[in-house]
Amino acid sequence: EKQNDPGLESIDGEATFTKDLQAKEACDEDSEEMKPVVYSCGPEVQNISHSIWQHNLPIDVHLLYCKELNVITVRIQNGNTGKYYKPLYVDRIHIPVSGAVNTRKYVERNDDWQDAMMNSIDWQVYSDFFVPRIRFVEIDDVRTPKIVKLCGDEFTEFVMDKPSNMAAPDDQGDEN
């Protein structure tokens, strides 16, 4: 189920369009057929345990980062059953956090600037942003996670559909 406001489709559509365009541009050059490159969700960069008091539910929040697409996958695991809920995908550039990049770490000379940048990110800042905003809603009798605004938040909806050129995380043991 798409959990976006209809008025925000242009924001979501733009993000999805950009990711899809990157897929078309990153085709396998050795192949006669132009097959788009499919990226993984990336490595886990942060893991935090939390309790959703409204449901008396312990959860583990796993953040995975795909540096090629600049997308954070938020995987939420039921602490009681060990099963995962449907993942949420967020374009990192749309997350309103400050102080997430530690420039002292980034100053080190590295041939792969993306790796250097990824290592310079303070992922705790991102988990501190996401975790308090996680809520569960019942959709067709299925508990589904979503990210909500807190009092004082000024951002628009930033959860997007999974980019077509990104593989879904391992779906074994899903909650729904």
C-alpha atoms as a PDB file:
ATOM      1  CA  GLU A   1       0.000   0.000   0.000  1.00  0.00           C
ATOM      2  CA  LYS A   2       1.283   3.435  -0.895  1.00  0.00           C
ATOM      3  CA  GLN A   3       1.273   5.601   2.205  1.00  0.00           C
ATOM      4  CA  ASN A   4       1.846   8.985   0.564  1.00  0.00           C
ATOM      5  CA  ASP A   5      -0.435  12.004   0.373  1.00  0.00           C
ATOM      6  CA  PRO A   6      -1.900  12.392  -3.129  1.00  0.00           C
ATOM      7  CA  GLY A   7      -0.635  15.991  -3.064  1.00  0.00           C
ATOM      8  CA  LEU A   8       2.946  14.772  -2.691  1.00  0.00           C
ATOM      9  CA  GLU A   9       3.037  12.492  -5.727  1.00  0.00           C
ATOM     10  CA  SER A  10       5.273  14.906  -7.619  1.00  0.00           C
ATOM     11  CA  ILE A  11       7.899  14.691  -4.860  1.00  0.00           C
ATOM     12  CA  ASP A  12       7.690  10.897  -4.772  1.00  0.00           C
ATOM     13  CA  GLY A  13       7.427  10.653  -8.545  1.00  0.00           C
ATOM     14  CA  GLU A  14      10.525  12.796  -8.968  1.00  0.00           C
ATOM     15  CA  ALA A  15      12.538  10.642  -6.557  1.00  0.00           C
ATOM     16  CA  THR A  16      11.361   7.422  -8.223  1.00  0.00           C
ATOM     17  CA  PHE A  17      11.948   8.890 -11.684  1.00  0.00           C
ATOM     18  CA  THR A  18      15.494   9.910 -10.722  1.00  0.00           C
ATOM     19  CA  LYS A  19      16.274   6.435  -9.362  1.00  0.00           C
ATOM     20  CA  ASP A  20      14.757   4.789 -12.478  1.00  0.00           C
ATOM     21  CA  LEU A  21      16.779   7.107 -14.732  1.00  0.00           C
ATOM     22  CA  GLN A  22      19.942   6.111 -12.886  1.00  0.00           C
ATOM     23  CA  ALA A  23      19.034   2.476 -13.583  1.00  0.00           C
ATOM     24  CA  LYS A  24      18.724   3.144 -17.318  1.00  0.00           C
ATOM     25  CA  GLU A  25      22.029   5.007 -17.374  1.00  0.00           C
ATOM     26  CA  ALA A  26      23.813   2.229 -15.484  1.00  0.00           C
ATOM     27  CA  CYS A  27      23.174  -0.563 -17.970  1.00  0.00           C
ATOM     28  CA  ASP A  28      25.612  -3.396 -18.555  1.00  0.00           C
ATOM     29  CA  GLU A  29      27.779  -2.151 -21.439  1.00  0.00           C
ATOM     30  CA  ASP A  30      29.096  -5.617 -22.391  1.00  0.00           C
ATOM     31  CA  SER A  31      25.658  -7.021 -23.076  1.00  0.00           C
ATOM     32  CA  GLU A  32      23.862  -6.726 -26.400  1.00  0.00           C
ATOM     33  CA  GLU A  33      20.655  -6.352 -24.429  1.00  0.00           C
ATOM     34  CA  MET A  34      20.513  -3.286 -22.270  1.00  0.00           C
ATOM     35  CA  LYS A  35      19.770  -4.710 -18.820  1.00  0.00           C
ATOM     36  CA  PRO A  36      19.497  -2.271 -15.953  1.00  0.00           C
ATOM     37  CA  VAL A  37      21.819  -2.701 -13.009  1.00  0.00           C
ATOM     38  CA  VAL A  38      20.000  -3.729  -9.846  1.00  0.00           C
ATOM     39  CA  TYR A  39      21.555  -2.514  -6.616  1.00  0.00           C
ATOM     40  CA  SER A  40      21.292  -4.182  -3.227  1.00  0.00           C
ATOM     41  CA  CYS A  41      19.894  -2.323  -0.227  1.00  0.00           C
ATOM     42  CA  GLY A  42      23.480  -2.104   0.948  1.00  0.00           C
ATOM     43  CA  PRO A  43      25.082  -3.019   4.257  1.00  0.00           C
ATOM     44  CA  GLU A  44      23.468  -2.528   7.621  1.00  0.00           C
ATOM     45  CA  VAL A  45      24.803   0.742   9.008  1.00  0.00           C
ATOM     46  CA  GLN A  46      22.796   1.011  12.228  1.00  0.00           C
ATOM     47  CA  ASN A  47      20.744  -1.272  14.482  1.00  0.00           C
ATOM     48  CA  ILE A  48      18.769  -0.087  17.495  1.00  0.00           C
ATOM     49  CA  SER A  49      16.250  -1.734  19.810  1.00  0.00           C
ATOM     50  CA  HIS A  50      13.131   0.155  20.797  1.00  0.00           C
ATOM     51  CA  SER A  51       9.713  -0.466  22.289  1.00  0.00           C
ATOM     52  CA  ILE A  52       6.467   0.771  20.759  1.00  0.00           C
ATOM     53  CA  TRP A  53       4.520   1.408  23.951  1.00  0.00           C
ATOM     54  CA  GLN A  54       1.157   1.797  22.176  1.00  0.00           C
ATOM     55  CA  HIS A  55       1.327  -1.872  21.161  1.00  0.00           C
ATOM     56  CA  ASN A  56       3.609  -3.155  23.927  1.00  0.00           C
ATOM     57  CA  LEU A  57       5.859  -4.267  21.087  1.00  0.00           C
ATOM     58  CA  PRO A  58       9.654  -4.526  21.220  1.00  0.00           C
ATOM     59  CA  ILE A  59      11.236  -3.835  17.830  1.00  0.00           C
ATOM     60  CA  ASP A  60      14.687  -3.761  16.287  1.00  0.00           C
ATOM     61  CA  VAL A  61      15.236  -1.053  13.678  1.00  0.00           C
ATOM     62  CA  HIS A  62      17.846  -1.869  11.027  1.00  0.00           C
ATOM     63  CA  LEU A  63      19.094   0.867   8.700  1.00  0.00           C
ATOM     64  CA  LEU A  64      20.656  -0.300   5.439  1.00  0.00           C
ATOM     65  CA  TYR A  65      22.301   2.168   3.075  1.00  0.00           C
ATOM     66  CA  CYS A  66      22.622   1.903  -0.701  1.00  0.00           C
ATOM     67  CA  LYS A  67      25.341   4.441  -1.496  1.00  0.00           C
ATOM     68  CA  GLU A  68      24.807   4.140  -5.275  1.00  0.00           C
ATOM     69  CA  LEU A  69      21.207   5.390  -4.979  1.00  0.00           C
ATOM     70  CA  ASN A  70      21.569   7.324  -1.702  1.00  0.00           C
ATOM     71  CA  VAL A  71      18.609   5.368  -0.307  1.00  0.00           C
ATOM     72  CA  ILE A  72      18.150   4.247   3.294  1.00  0.00           C
ATOM     73  CA  THR A  73      16.105   1.097   3.799  1.00  0.00           C
ATOM     74  CA  VAL A  74      14.410   1.022   7.193  1.00  0.00           C
ATOM     75  CA  ARG A  75      13.755  -2.587   8.228  1.00  0.00           C
ATOM     76  CA  ILE A  76      11.726  -3.117  11.350  1.00  0.00           C
ATOM     77  CA  GLN A  77      11.888  -6.472  13.076  1.00  0.00           C
ATOM     78  CA  ASN A  78       9.347  -7.725  15.609  1.00  0.00           C
ATOM     79  CA  GLY A  79      11.360  -8.325  18.788  1.00  0.00           C
ATOM     80  CA  ASN A  80       9.001 -11.099  19.923  1.00  0.00           C
ATOM     81  CA  THR A  81       8.797 -13.159  16.726  1.00  0.00           C
ATOM     82  CA  GLY A  82      12.011 -12.142  14.933  1.00  0.00           C
ATOM     83  CA  LYS A  83      10.010 -11.501  11.753  1.00  0.00           C
ATOM     84  CA  TYR A  84      10.333  -8.370   9.607  1.00  0.00           C
ATOM     85  CA  TYR A  85       7.640  -5.910   8.597  1.00  0.00           C
ATOM     86  CA  LYS A  86       7.433  -4.384   5.122  1.00  0.00           C
ATOM     87  CA  PRO A  87      10.561  -2.210   4.646  1.00  0.00           C
ATOM     88  CA  LEU A  88      10.395   1.554   4.220  1.00  0.00           C
ATOM     89  CA  TYR A  89      12.587   3.347   1.667  1.00  0.00           C
ATOM     90  CA  VAL A  90      13.845   6.900   2.100  1.00  0.00           C
ATOM     91  CA  ASP A  91      15.973   9.114  -0.138  1.00  0.00           C
ATOM     92  CA  ARG A  92      18.645  10.265   2.327  1.00  0.00           C
ATOM     93  CA  ILE A  93      18.786  13.779   0.889  1.00  0.00           C
ATOM     94  CA  HIS A  94      15.175  14.430   2.013  1.00  0.00           C
ATOM     95  CA  ILE A  95      15.812  13.640   5.696  1.00  0.00           C
ATOM     96  CA  PRO A  96      15.978  16.861   7.727  1.00  0.00           C
ATOM     97  CA  VAL A  97      18.922  16.068   9.996  1.00  0.00           C
ATOM     98  CA  SER A  98      21.944  18.187  10.762  1.00  0.00           C
ATOM     99  CA  GLY A  99      25.294  17.120  12.101  1.00  0.00           C
ATOM    100  CA  ALA A 100      25.129  13.725  10.410  1.00  0.00           C
ATOM    101  CA  VAL A 101      28.420  14.060   8.540  1.00  0.00           C
ATOM    102  CA  ASN A 102      31.583  13.993  10.618  1.00  0.00           C
ATOM    103  CA  THR A 103      33.963  16.074   8.501  1.00  0.00           C
ATOM    104  CA  ARG A 104      37.005  14.990  10.515  1.00  0.00           C
ATOM    105  CA  LYS A 105      36.470  11.401   9.357  1.00  0.00           C
ATOM    106  CA  TYR A 106      35.832  12.550   5.781  1.00  0.00           C
ATOM    107  CA  VAL A 107      39.094  14.494   5.505  1.00  0.00           C
ATOM    108  CA  GLU A 108      41.101  11.267   5.205  1.00  0.00           C
ATOM    109  CA  ARG A 109      42.296  10.699   1.614  1.00  0.00           C
ATOM    110  CA  ASN A 110      40.450   7.793   0.055  1.00  0.00           C
ATOM    111  CA  ASP A 111      40.284   6.697  -3.589  1.00  0.00           C
ATOM    112  CA  ASP A 112      36.599   5.804  -3.277  1.00  0.00           C
ATOM    113  CA  TRP A 113      34.884   9.031  -2.197  1.00  0.00           C
ATOM    114  CA  GLN A 114      31.551   7.210  -1.751  1.00  0.00           C
ATOM    115  CA  ASP A 115      33.105   4.821   0.774  1.00  0.00           C
ATOM    116  CA  ALA A 116      34.790   7.734   2.525  1.00  0.00           C
ATOM    117  CA  MET A 117      31.521   9.638   2.664  1.00  0.00           C
ATOM    118  CA  MET A 118      29.611   6.595   3.926  1.00  0.00           C
ATOM    119  CA  ASN A 119      32.183   6.053   6.679  1.00  0.00           C
ATOM    120  CA  SER A 120      31.905   9.714   7.669  1.00  0.00           C
ATOM    121  CA  ILE A 121      28.158   9.563   8.307  1.00  0.00           C
ATOM    122  CA  ASP A 122      27.026   9.382  11.909  1.00  0.00           C
ATOM    123  CA  TRP A 123      24.231   6.842  11.491  1.00  0.00           C
ATOM    124  CA  GLN A 124      23.169   7.321  15.110  1.00  0.00           C
ATOM    125  CA  VAL A 125      21.805  10.734  14.068  1.00  0.00           C
ATOM    126  CA  TYR A 126      19.577   9.007  11.505  1.00  0.00           C
ATOM    127  CA  SER A 127      18.358   6.339  13.919  1.00  0.00           C
ATOM    128  CA  ASP A 128      17.652   9.079  16.485  1.00  0.00           C
ATOM    129  CA  PHE A 129      15.511  10.734  13.804  1.00  0.00           C
ATOM    130  CA  PHE A 130      13.622   7.623  12.621  1.00  0.00           C
ATOM    131  CA  VAL A 131      12.956   5.648  15.811  1.00  0.00           C
ATOM    132  CA  PRO A 132      10.699   8.123  17.668  1.00  0.00           C
ATOM    133  CA  ARG A 133       8.640   8.586  14.483  1.00  0.00           C
ATOM    134  CA  ILE A 134       7.850   4.908  13.906  1.00  0.00           C
ATOM    135  CA  ARG A 135       4.193   4.061  14.418  1.00  0.00           C
ATOM    136  CA  PHE A 136       2.089   1.098  13.425  1.00  0.00           C
ATOM    137  CA  VAL A 137      -1.249   1.277  11.654  1.00  0.00           C
ATOM    138  CA  GLU A 138      -3.698  -1.516  10.954  1.00  0.00           C
ATOM    139  CA  ILE A 139      -4.261  -2.001   7.220  1.00  0.00           C
ATOM    140  CA  ASP A 140      -6.562  -4.922   6.354  1.00  0.00           C
ATOM    141  CA  ASP A 141      -5.925  -6.405   9.821  1.00  0.00           C
ATOM    142  CA  VAL A 142      -2.172  -6.313   9.212  1.00  0.00           C
ATOM    143  CA  ARG A 143       0.085  -4.223  11.449  1.00  0.00           C
ATOM    144  CA  THR A 144       2.130  -1.979   9.148  1.00  0.00           C
ATOM    145  CA  PRO A 145       4.928   0.436  10.128  1.00  0.00           C
ATOM    146  CA  LYS A 146       5.047   4.015   8.947  1.00  0.00           C
ATOM    147  CA  ILE A 147       7.046   7.152   9.704  1.00  0.00           C
ATOM    148  CA  VAL A 148       4.944   9.979  11.180  1.00  0.00           C
ATOM    149  CA  LYS A 149       5.547  13.650  11.921  1.00  0.00           C
ATOM    150  CA  LEU A 150       6.133  14.718  15.500  1.00  0.00           C
ATOM    151  CA  CYS A 151       5.061  18.056  16.927  1.00  0.00           C
ATOM    152  CA  GLY A 152       7.263  20.734  15.378  1.00  0.00           C
ATOM    153  CA  ASP A 153       8.360  18.677  12.349  1.00  0.00           C
ATOM    154  CA  GLU A 154       8.246  20.715   9.146  1.00  0.00           C
ATOM    155  CA  PHE A 155       9.232  18.091   6.573  1.00  0.00           C
ATOM    156  CA  THR A 156       6.873  16.686   3.965  1.00  0.00           C
ATOM    157  CA  GLU A 157       6.398  12.955   3.430  1.00  0.00           C
ATOM    158  CA  PHE A 158       9.734  11.413   2.487  1.00  0.00           C
ATOM    159  CA  VAL A 159       9.035   7.664   2.445  1.00  0.00           C
ATOM    160  CA  MET A 160       9.046   6.530  -1.174  1.00  0.00           C
ATOM    161  CA  ASP A 161       8.293   3.384  -3.149  1.00  0.00           C
ATOM    162  CA  LYS A 162      11.159   0.927  -3.526  1.00  0.00           C
ATOM    163  CA  PRO A 163      13.270   2.077  -6.506  1.00  0.00           C
ATOM    164  CA  SER A 164      12.772  -0.278  -9.435  1.00  0.00           C
ATOM    165  CA  ASN A 165      16.537  -0.777  -9.711  1.00  0.00           C
ATOM    166  CA  MET A 166      16.944  -1.830  -6.077  1.00  0.00           C
ATOM    167  CA  ALA A 167      16.586  -5.393  -4.892  1.00  0.00           C
ATOM    168  CA  ALA A 168      14.294  -5.936  -1.915  1.00  0.00           C
ATOM    169  CA  PRO A 169      16.010  -6.970   1.307  1.00  0.00           C
ATOM    170  CA  ASP A 170      16.003 -10.659   2.157  1.00  0.00           C
ATOM    171  CA  ASP A 171      12.307 -11.387   2.650  1.00  0.00           C
ATOM    172  CA  GLN A 172      12.619 -14.621   4.602  1.00  0.00           C
ATOM    173  CA  GLY A 173      10.650 -14.559   7.814  1.00  0.00           C
ATOM    174  CA  ASP A 174       8.441 -11.568   6.989  1.00  0.00           C
ATOM    175  CA  GLU A 175       5.694 -10.547   9.375  1.00  0.00           C
ATOM    176  CA  ASN A 176       3.285  -9.600   6.562  1.00  0.00           C
END
